[in-house]
Amino acid sequence: MITYDDRQLMIEKYKAILRVRKNEIKIQCAHYTLTIQGSDLMISALTRDEILIGGTIATVVFNNE
């Protein structure tokens, strides 16, 4: 499950963090990869099952891989 607005994004049941940059974060989920683009992006909270990304979110792209 994914919930977001322009300031934060919550991802449940993610598999791996692939890339973390100030303008892009890439997350591997079970059946797709999420690419979050924006500015001042950061991982605000992290548990085994959930990740919270903060910053100014411009786009969220789902890629089936």
C-alpha atoms as a PDB file:
ATOM      1  CA  MET A   1       0.000   0.000   0.000  1.00  0.00           C
ATOM      2  CA  ILE A   2       1.214   3.467  -0.864  1.00  0.00           C
ATOM      3  CA  THR A   3      -0.138   6.764   0.423  1.00  0.00           C
ATOM      4  CA  TYR A   4       1.278  10.159  -0.414  1.00  0.00           C
ATOM      5  CA  ASP A   5       0.832  13.873  -0.857  1.00  0.00           C
ATOM      6  CA  ASP A   6       3.311  16.490  -2.046  1.00  0.00           C
ATOM      7  CA  ARG A   7       5.333  16.415   1.232  1.00  0.00           C
ATOM      8  CA  GLN A   8       5.540  12.734   2.239  1.00  0.00           C
ATOM      9  CA  LEU A   9       5.069   9.221   0.944  1.00  0.00           C
ATOM     10  CA  MET A  10       4.460   6.030   2.958  1.00  0.00           C
ATOM     11  CA  ILE A  11       5.296   2.662   1.391  1.00  0.00           C
ATOM     12  CA  GLU A  12       4.295  -0.587   3.091  1.00  0.00           C
ATOM     13  CA  LYS A  13       5.860  -3.992   2.368  1.00  0.00           C
ATOM     14  CA  TYR A  14       8.853  -2.717   0.401  1.00  0.00           C
ATOM     15  CA  LYS A  15      11.686  -5.115  -0.453  1.00  0.00           C
ATOM     16  CA  ALA A  16      14.796  -2.923  -0.831  1.00  0.00           C
ATOM     17  CA  ILE A  17      16.078   0.627  -1.055  1.00  0.00           C
ATOM     18  CA  LEU A  18      17.896   0.864  -4.382  1.00  0.00           C
ATOM     19  CA  ARG A  19      18.976   4.529  -4.500  1.00  0.00           C
ATOM     20  CA  VAL A  20      18.821   7.562  -2.222  1.00  0.00           C
ATOM     21  CA  ARG A  21      19.662  11.015  -3.555  1.00  0.00           C
ATOM     22  CA  LYS A  22      18.334  14.463  -2.670  1.00  0.00           C
ATOM     23  CA  ASN A  23      16.322  14.560  -5.901  1.00  0.00           C
ATOM     24  CA  GLU A  24      15.499  10.854  -6.404  1.00  0.00           C
ATOM     25  CA  ILE A  25      14.758   7.788  -4.288  1.00  0.00           C
ATOM     26  CA  LYS A  26      14.244   4.360  -5.840  1.00  0.00           C
ATOM     27  CA  ILE A  27      12.470   1.577  -3.918  1.00  0.00           C
ATOM     28  CA  GLN A  28      12.007  -2.082  -4.909  1.00  0.00           C
ATOM     29  CA  CYS A  29       8.603  -3.514  -4.027  1.00  0.00           C
ATOM     30  CA  ALA A  30       7.348  -7.053  -4.623  1.00  0.00           C
ATOM     31  CA  HIS A  31       6.107  -6.602  -8.205  1.00  0.00           C
ATOM     32  CA  TYR A  32       7.353  -3.172  -9.229  1.00  0.00           C
ATOM     33  CA  THR A  33       9.966  -0.482  -8.668  1.00  0.00           C
ATOM     34  CA  LEU A  34       9.004   2.976  -7.420  1.00  0.00           C
ATOM     35  CA  THR A  35      10.998   6.028  -8.464  1.00  0.00           C
ATOM     36  CA  ILE A  36      10.230   9.123  -6.408  1.00  0.00           C
ATOM     37  CA  GLN A  37      11.510  12.419  -7.798  1.00  0.00           C
ATOM     38  CA  GLY A  38      11.473  15.849  -6.199  1.00  0.00           C
ATOM     39  CA  SER A  39      13.678  18.032  -4.036  1.00  0.00           C
ATOM     40  CA  ASP A  40      15.153  17.679  -0.556  1.00  0.00           C
ATOM     41  CA  LEU A  41      14.033  14.025  -0.464  1.00  0.00           C
ATOM     42  CA  MET A  42      14.991  11.955   2.566  1.00  0.00           C
ATOM     43  CA  ILE A  43      13.994   8.809   4.412  1.00  0.00           C
ATOM     44  CA  SER A  44      12.150  10.166   7.451  1.00  0.00           C
ATOM     45  CA  ALA A  45      11.272   6.835   9.080  1.00  0.00           C
ATOM     46  CA  LEU A  46      12.187   3.236   8.398  1.00  0.00           C
ATOM     47  CA  THR A  47      10.943  -0.050   9.817  1.00  0.00           C
ATOM     48  CA  ARG A  48      11.200  -3.587   8.537  1.00  0.00           C
ATOM     49  CA  ASP A  49       7.863  -3.259   6.709  1.00  0.00           C
ATOM     50  CA  GLU A  50       7.370   0.477   6.114  1.00  0.00           C
ATOM     51  CA  ILE A  51       9.320   3.422   4.806  1.00  0.00           C
ATOM     52  CA  LEU A  52       8.364   7.100   5.062  1.00  0.00           C
ATOM     53  CA  ILE A  53       9.901   9.484   2.545  1.00  0.00           C
ATOM     54  CA  GLY A  54       9.799  13.221   3.170  1.00  0.00           C
ATOM     55  CA  GLY A  55      10.601  16.268   1.062  1.00  0.00           C
ATOM     56  CA  THR A  56       8.944  17.978  -1.870  1.00  0.00           C
ATOM     57  CA  ILE A  57       7.581  15.156  -4.041  1.00  0.00           C
ATOM     58  CA  ALA A  58       7.105  16.040  -7.707  1.00  0.00           C
ATOM     59  CA  THR A  59       6.498  12.626  -9.310  1.00  0.00           C
ATOM     60  CA  VAL A  60       6.047   8.978  -8.369  1.00  0.00           C
ATOM     61  CA  VAL A  61       6.696   6.497 -11.184  1.00  0.00           C
ATOM     62  CA  PHE A  62       5.736   2.801 -11.055  1.00  0.00           C
ATOM     63  CA  ASN A  63       7.850   0.465 -13.225  1.00  0.00           C
ATOM     64  CA  ASN A  64       7.017  -3.211 -13.694  1.00  0.00           C
ATOM     65  CA  GLU A  65      10.287  -5.120 -13.815  1.00  0.00           C
END
